[in-house]
Amino acid sequence: MAICGLICTTCPVYLAGREPDPEIRVNMRIGIARICEEKYGLKYRPEEITGCDGCGVDAERLFAPCRECPIRLCARDRGLYNCAYCSDYPCARLEDFFAAEPEARVRLECSSNHPD
């Protein structure tokens, strides 16, 4: 699970980075670029959609918006496994995020009761 409550292994960016077929991978990245713009207002060209190993790991492969994500950076600065363990949970930034990703709230609240 990502720091914010998204599930990395179901993330289209994560999956596209593991797709062995180049044609399918390109089509996945075109779709991801469209989703980024429609859902989050972020404009990326398909070739800018790189592989990602998840925001909770120290890895080279991290999707550009995740690398600079203020939610991720805050949790890492505080040394937290995820945002549910923060004394400020849920902060205004997370509340805005939950408006677009309501299931992330459910996952975070479950994880704080049953950490992996």
N, C-alpha and C. Protein backbone atom coordinates (compact mmCIF):
# COMPACT_ATOMS: atom_id res chain seq x y z
N MET A 1 0.84 -1.17 0.00
CA MET A 1 0.00 0.00 0.00
C MET A 1 0.89 1.24 0.00
N ALA A 2 0.45 2.23 -0.74
CA ALA A 2 1.16 3.50 -0.77
C ALA A 2 0.94 4.25 0.55
N ILE A 3 1.76 5.21 0.79
CA ILE A 3 1.69 6.02 2.01
C ILE A 3 0.32 6.67 2.18
N CYS A 4 -0.32 7.03 1.06
CA CYS A 4 -1.60 7.72 1.08
C CYS A 4 -2.81 6.79 1.11
N GLY A 5 -2.60 5.49 0.96
CA GLY A 5 -3.70 4.54 0.97
C GLY A 5 -4.04 3.95 -0.38
N LEU A 6 -3.40 4.41 -1.45
CA LEU A 6 -3.60 3.77 -2.74
C LEU A 6 -2.92 2.40 -2.72
N ILE A 7 -3.36 1.51 -3.59
CA ILE A 7 -2.74 0.19 -3.69
C ILE A 7 -1.78 0.21 -4.87
N CYS A 8 -0.51 0.14 -4.60
CA CYS A 8 0.52 0.24 -5.64
C CYS A 8 0.39 -0.85 -6.69
N THR A 9 0.12 -2.06 -6.27
CA THR A 9 0.12 -3.18 -7.21
C THR A 9 -1.08 -3.17 -8.16
N THR A 10 -2.04 -2.29 -7.93
CA THR A 10 -3.15 -2.13 -8.87
C THR A 10 -3.04 -0.81 -9.63
N CYS A 11 -2.03 -0.03 -9.34
CA CYS A 11 -1.82 1.26 -9.99
C CYS A 11 -1.44 1.05 -11.46
N PRO A 12 -2.09 1.76 -12.37
CA PRO A 12 -1.74 1.62 -13.79
C PRO A 12 -0.28 1.91 -14.10
N VAL A 13 0.33 2.86 -13.40
CA VAL A 13 1.74 3.19 -13.62
C VAL A 13 2.62 2.01 -13.21
N TYR A 14 2.35 1.45 -12.05
CA TYR A 14 3.08 0.29 -11.56
C TYR A 14 2.96 -0.87 -12.56
N LEU A 15 1.75 -1.12 -13.03
CA LEU A 15 1.49 -2.22 -13.96
C LEU A 15 2.15 -1.99 -15.32
N ALA A 16 2.08 -0.76 -15.81
CA ALA A 16 2.70 -0.45 -17.11
C ALA A 16 4.20 -0.67 -17.07
N GLY A 17 4.82 -0.37 -15.96
CA GLY A 17 6.26 -0.56 -15.82
C GLY A 17 6.67 -2.02 -15.81
N ARG A 18 5.72 -2.90 -15.62
CA ARG A 18 6.00 -4.34 -15.59
C ARG A 18 5.48 -5.08 -16.82
N GLU A 19 4.83 -4.35 -17.71
CA GLU A 19 4.26 -4.95 -18.91
C GLU A 19 5.38 -5.29 -19.89
N PRO A 20 5.53 -6.58 -20.25
CA PRO A 20 6.62 -6.97 -21.14
C PRO A 20 6.38 -6.63 -22.62
N ASP A 21 5.13 -6.53 -23.03
CA ASP A 21 4.83 -6.25 -24.44
C ASP A 21 4.91 -4.74 -24.70
N PRO A 22 5.85 -4.30 -25.54
CA PRO A 22 6.04 -2.87 -25.78
C PRO A 22 4.79 -2.16 -26.32
N GLU A 23 4.04 -2.81 -27.18
CA GLU A 23 2.83 -2.18 -27.74
C GLU A 23 1.77 -1.98 -26.67
N ILE A 24 1.57 -2.99 -25.86
CA ILE A 24 0.60 -2.87 -24.76
C ILE A 24 1.06 -1.80 -23.78
N ARG A 25 2.36 -1.78 -23.48
CA ARG A 25 2.92 -0.80 -22.54
C ARG A 25 2.67 0.63 -23.04
N VAL A 26 2.88 0.88 -24.34
CA VAL A 26 2.64 2.21 -24.91
C VAL A 26 1.17 2.58 -24.77
N ASN A 27 0.28 1.66 -25.08
CA ASN A 27 -1.16 1.93 -24.95
C ASN A 27 -1.55 2.20 -23.50
N MET A 28 -0.94 1.47 -22.58
CA MET A 28 -1.21 1.71 -21.16
C MET A 28 -0.77 3.11 -20.77
N ARG A 29 0.38 3.53 -21.24
CA ARG A 29 0.90 4.85 -20.90
C ARG A 29 0.06 5.97 -21.50
N ILE A 30 -0.49 5.74 -22.69
CA ILE A 30 -1.41 6.72 -23.28
C ILE A 30 -2.64 6.87 -22.39
N GLY A 31 -3.17 5.75 -21.93
CA GLY A 31 -4.32 5.79 -21.03
C GLY A 31 -4.01 6.46 -19.70
N ILE A 32 -2.83 6.20 -19.18
CA ILE A 32 -2.42 6.81 -17.91
C ILE A 32 -2.32 8.32 -18.06
N ALA A 33 -1.73 8.78 -19.15
CA ALA A 33 -1.61 10.22 -19.39
C ALA A 33 -3.00 10.86 -19.43
N ARG A 34 -3.95 10.19 -20.05
CA ARG A 34 -5.32 10.71 -20.13
C ARG A 34 -5.95 10.76 -18.73
N ILE A 35 -5.78 9.72 -17.94
CA ILE A 35 -6.32 9.68 -16.58
C ILE A 35 -5.69 10.79 -15.72
N CYS A 36 -4.38 10.96 -15.84
CA CYS A 36 -3.69 12.00 -15.06
C CYS A 36 -4.29 13.38 -15.33
N GLU A 37 -4.58 13.63 -16.60
CA GLU A 37 -5.14 14.94 -16.94
C GLU A 37 -6.60 15.07 -16.50
N GLU A 38 -7.41 14.04 -16.80
CA GLU A 38 -8.83 14.12 -16.50
C GLU A 38 -9.12 14.11 -15.00
N LYS A 39 -8.44 13.27 -14.26
CA LYS A 39 -8.75 13.09 -12.84
C LYS A 39 -7.99 14.04 -11.92
N TYR A 40 -6.74 14.33 -12.31
CA TYR A 40 -5.89 15.11 -11.40
C TYR A 40 -5.40 16.44 -11.98
N GLY A 41 -5.72 16.70 -13.25
CA GLY A 41 -5.28 17.95 -13.88
C GLY A 41 -3.79 18.00 -14.17
N LEU A 42 -3.13 16.83 -14.22
CA LEU A 42 -1.70 16.75 -14.49
C LEU A 42 -1.49 16.36 -15.95
N LYS A 43 -0.64 17.11 -16.63
CA LYS A 43 -0.40 16.83 -18.05
C LYS A 43 0.95 16.16 -18.24
N TYR A 44 0.90 14.94 -18.77
CA TYR A 44 2.10 14.17 -19.08
C TYR A 44 1.97 13.60 -20.48
N ARG A 45 3.09 13.55 -21.15
CA ARG A 45 3.13 12.82 -22.42
C ARG A 45 3.32 11.35 -22.07
N PRO A 46 2.79 10.44 -22.90
CA PRO A 46 2.93 9.02 -22.59
C PRO A 46 4.37 8.58 -22.33
N GLU A 47 5.32 9.15 -23.05
CA GLU A 47 6.72 8.76 -22.83
C GLU A 47 7.27 9.23 -21.49
N GLU A 48 6.56 10.13 -20.82
CA GLU A 48 6.97 10.58 -19.49
C GLU A 48 6.44 9.67 -18.38
N ILE A 49 5.57 8.75 -18.74
CA ILE A 49 5.02 7.81 -17.77
C ILE A 49 6.04 6.69 -17.61
N THR A 50 6.76 6.72 -16.52
CA THR A 50 7.82 5.74 -16.28
C THR A 50 7.33 4.65 -15.34
N GLY A 51 8.12 3.64 -15.18
CA GLY A 51 7.79 2.60 -14.23
C GLY A 51 7.88 3.13 -12.81
N CYS A 52 7.30 2.40 -11.87
CA CYS A 52 7.29 2.82 -10.48
C CYS A 52 7.31 1.57 -9.60
N ASP A 53 8.07 1.63 -8.52
CA ASP A 53 8.14 0.52 -7.58
C ASP A 53 7.37 0.79 -6.29
N GLY A 54 6.64 1.90 -6.25
CA GLY A 54 5.84 2.24 -5.08
C GLY A 54 6.51 3.31 -4.24
N CYS A 55 5.70 4.19 -3.68
CA CYS A 55 6.23 5.35 -2.97
C CYS A 55 6.81 5.02 -1.60
N GLY A 56 6.52 3.86 -1.09
CA GLY A 56 7.01 3.52 0.24
C GLY A 56 8.40 2.93 0.26
N VAL A 57 8.97 2.73 -0.92
CA VAL A 57 10.31 2.14 -1.00
C VAL A 57 11.31 3.16 -1.49
N ASP A 58 12.55 2.97 -1.13
CA ASP A 58 13.63 3.81 -1.65
C ASP A 58 14.13 3.16 -2.93
N ALA A 59 13.51 3.52 -4.03
CA ALA A 59 13.85 2.91 -5.31
C ALA A 59 14.07 3.99 -6.36
N GLU A 60 14.82 3.64 -7.36
CA GLU A 60 15.05 4.55 -8.47
C GLU A 60 13.79 4.78 -9.27
N ARG A 61 13.00 3.72 -9.44
CA ARG A 61 11.80 3.83 -10.27
C ARG A 61 10.64 4.35 -9.44
N LEU A 62 10.37 5.63 -9.58
CA LEU A 62 9.26 6.26 -8.89
C LEU A 62 8.63 7.25 -9.86
N PHE A 63 7.33 7.13 -10.08
CA PHE A 63 6.62 8.01 -11.00
C PHE A 63 6.83 9.45 -10.57
N ALA A 64 7.10 10.33 -11.53
CA ALA A 64 7.47 11.73 -11.24
C ALA A 64 6.54 12.41 -10.24
N PRO A 65 5.21 12.36 -10.40
CA PRO A 65 4.36 13.03 -9.41
C PRO A 65 4.49 12.43 -8.02
N CYS A 66 4.78 11.15 -7.94
CA CYS A 66 4.95 10.50 -6.64
C CYS A 66 6.24 10.95 -5.96
N ARG A 67 7.26 11.17 -6.75
CA ARG A 67 8.55 11.61 -6.21
C ARG A 67 8.41 12.94 -5.46
N GLU A 68 7.57 13.82 -5.99
CA GLU A 68 7.38 15.15 -5.39
C GLU A 68 6.07 15.28 -4.62
N CYS A 69 5.38 14.18 -4.43
CA CYS A 69 4.07 14.21 -3.76
C CYS A 69 4.21 14.78 -2.34
N PRO A 70 3.49 15.84 -2.03
CA PRO A 70 3.60 16.42 -0.69
C PRO A 70 3.12 15.48 0.41
N ILE A 71 2.19 14.59 0.10
CA ILE A 71 1.73 13.61 1.09
C ILE A 71 2.87 12.64 1.40
N ARG A 72 3.49 12.13 0.36
CA ARG A 72 4.62 11.19 0.52
C ARG A 72 5.77 11.86 1.27
N LEU A 73 6.13 13.07 0.85
CA LEU A 73 7.26 13.76 1.48
C LEU A 73 7.00 14.04 2.95
N CYS A 74 5.79 14.43 3.28
CA CYS A 74 5.44 14.69 4.68
C CYS A 74 5.58 13.43 5.53
N ALA A 75 5.00 12.33 5.05
CA ALA A 75 5.06 11.08 5.82
C ALA A 75 6.50 10.60 5.98
N ARG A 76 7.28 10.71 4.92
CA ARG A 76 8.68 10.27 5.01
C ARG A 76 9.47 11.17 5.97
N ASP A 77 9.21 12.47 5.95
CA ASP A 77 9.88 13.38 6.88
C ASP A 77 9.55 13.03 8.33
N ARG A 78 8.36 12.55 8.54
CA ARG A 78 7.92 12.18 9.90
C ARG A 78 8.26 10.73 10.25
N GLY A 79 8.83 10.00 9.28
CA GLY A 79 9.21 8.61 9.53
C GLY A 79 8.04 7.67 9.68
N LEU A 80 6.94 7.95 8.98
CA LEU A 80 5.72 7.17 9.13
C LEU A 80 5.61 6.08 8.08
N TYR A 81 5.06 4.95 8.46
CA TYR A 81 4.76 3.85 7.54
C TYR A 81 3.72 4.31 6.52
N ASN A 82 2.68 4.96 7.00
CA ASN A 82 1.69 5.61 6.14
C ASN A 82 1.01 6.71 6.95
N CYS A 83 0.15 7.44 6.28
CA CYS A 83 -0.47 8.61 6.90
C CYS A 83 -1.37 8.30 8.09
N ALA A 84 -1.89 7.09 8.16
CA ALA A 84 -2.79 6.74 9.26
C ALA A 84 -2.09 6.81 10.62
N TYR A 85 -0.78 6.74 10.63
CA TYR A 85 -0.02 6.76 11.88
C TYR A 85 0.36 8.16 12.31
N CYS A 86 -0.10 9.15 11.58
CA CYS A 86 0.25 10.54 11.88
C CYS A 86 -0.69 11.12 12.95
N SER A 87 -0.13 11.89 13.85
CA SER A 87 -0.94 12.53 14.89
C SER A 87 -1.86 13.59 14.29
N ASP A 88 -1.59 14.05 13.08
CA ASP A 88 -2.43 15.05 12.41
C ASP A 88 -3.43 14.42 11.44
N TYR A 89 -3.55 13.10 11.45
CA TYR A 89 -4.46 12.40 10.54
C TYR A 89 -5.91 12.67 10.91
N PRO A 90 -6.75 12.95 9.94
CA PRO A 90 -6.46 13.28 8.54
C PRO A 90 -6.25 14.79 8.40
N CYS A 91 -5.20 15.16 7.74
CA CYS A 91 -4.91 16.58 7.53
C CYS A 91 -5.71 17.10 6.33
N ALA A 92 -5.66 18.39 6.11
CA ALA A 92 -6.40 19.01 5.00
C ALA A 92 -5.94 18.47 3.66
N ARG A 93 -4.65 18.24 3.52
CA ARG A 93 -4.12 17.70 2.26
C ARG A 93 -4.71 16.33 1.97
N LEU A 94 -4.80 15.48 3.00
CA LEU A 94 -5.40 14.16 2.82
C LEU A 94 -6.89 14.25 2.54
N GLU A 95 -7.57 15.16 3.20
CA GLU A 95 -9.00 15.31 2.95
C GLU A 95 -9.26 15.67 1.49
N ASP A 96 -8.43 16.53 0.92
CA ASP A 96 -8.55 16.88 -0.50
C ASP A 96 -8.30 15.64 -1.36
N PHE A 97 -7.29 14.87 -1.01
CA PHE A 97 -6.96 13.66 -1.74
C PHE A 97 -8.10 12.64 -1.65
N PHE A 98 -8.68 12.48 -0.46
CA PHE A 98 -9.76 11.53 -0.27
C PHE A 98 -11.00 11.88 -1.10
N ALA A 99 -11.17 13.15 -1.43
CA ALA A 99 -12.30 13.54 -2.28
C ALA A 99 -12.20 12.85 -3.64
N ALA A 100 -10.97 12.67 -4.13
CA ALA A 100 -10.74 12.00 -5.42
C ALA A 100 -10.58 10.49 -5.24
N GLU A 101 -10.09 10.06 -4.08
CA GLU A 101 -9.78 8.65 -3.84
C GLU A 101 -10.36 8.20 -2.49
N PRO A 102 -11.69 8.10 -2.37
CA PRO A 102 -12.30 7.78 -1.06
C PRO A 102 -11.90 6.42 -0.49
N GLU A 103 -11.59 5.47 -1.34
CA GLU A 103 -11.19 4.15 -0.84
C GLU A 103 -9.84 4.20 -0.11
N ALA A 104 -9.04 5.19 -0.43
CA ALA A 104 -7.74 5.33 0.25
C ALA A 104 -7.95 5.57 1.74
N ARG A 105 -8.97 6.34 2.09
CA ARG A 105 -9.28 6.58 3.51
C ARG A 105 -9.59 5.27 4.22
N VAL A 106 -10.41 4.45 3.60
CA VAL A 106 -10.81 3.17 4.20
C VAL A 106 -9.57 2.31 4.43
N ARG A 107 -8.71 2.24 3.43
CA ARG A 107 -7.50 1.42 3.56
C ARG A 107 -6.59 1.93 4.67
N LEU A 108 -6.40 3.24 4.73
CA LEU A 108 -5.54 3.80 5.78
C LEU A 108 -6.11 3.52 7.16
N GLU A 109 -7.39 3.69 7.32
CA GLU A 109 -7.99 3.49 8.63
C GLU A 109 -7.94 2.02 9.04
N CYS A 110 -8.05 1.13 8.07
CA CYS A 110 -7.88 -0.30 8.38
C CYS A 110 -6.43 -0.64 8.70
N SER A 111 -5.50 -0.01 8.02
CA SER A 111 -4.08 -0.32 8.24
C SER A 111 -3.61 0.15 9.61
N SER A 112 -4.18 1.22 10.11
CA SER A 112 -3.74 1.69 11.42
C SER A 112 -4.23 0.76 12.54
N ASN A 113 -5.28 0.01 12.25
CA ASN A 113 -5.77 -0.98 13.23
C ASN A 113 -5.07 -2.32 13.11
N HIS A 114 -4.56 -2.61 11.90
CA HIS A 114 -3.92 -3.89 11.63
C HIS A 114 -2.68 -3.69 10.77
N PRO A 115 -1.61 -3.14 11.33
CA PRO A 115 -0.42 -2.89 10.50
C PRO A 115 0.20 -4.18 9.97
N ASP A 116 0.70 -4.11 8.74
CA ASP A 116 1.35 -5.27 8.12
C ASP A 116 2.78 -5.38 8.58
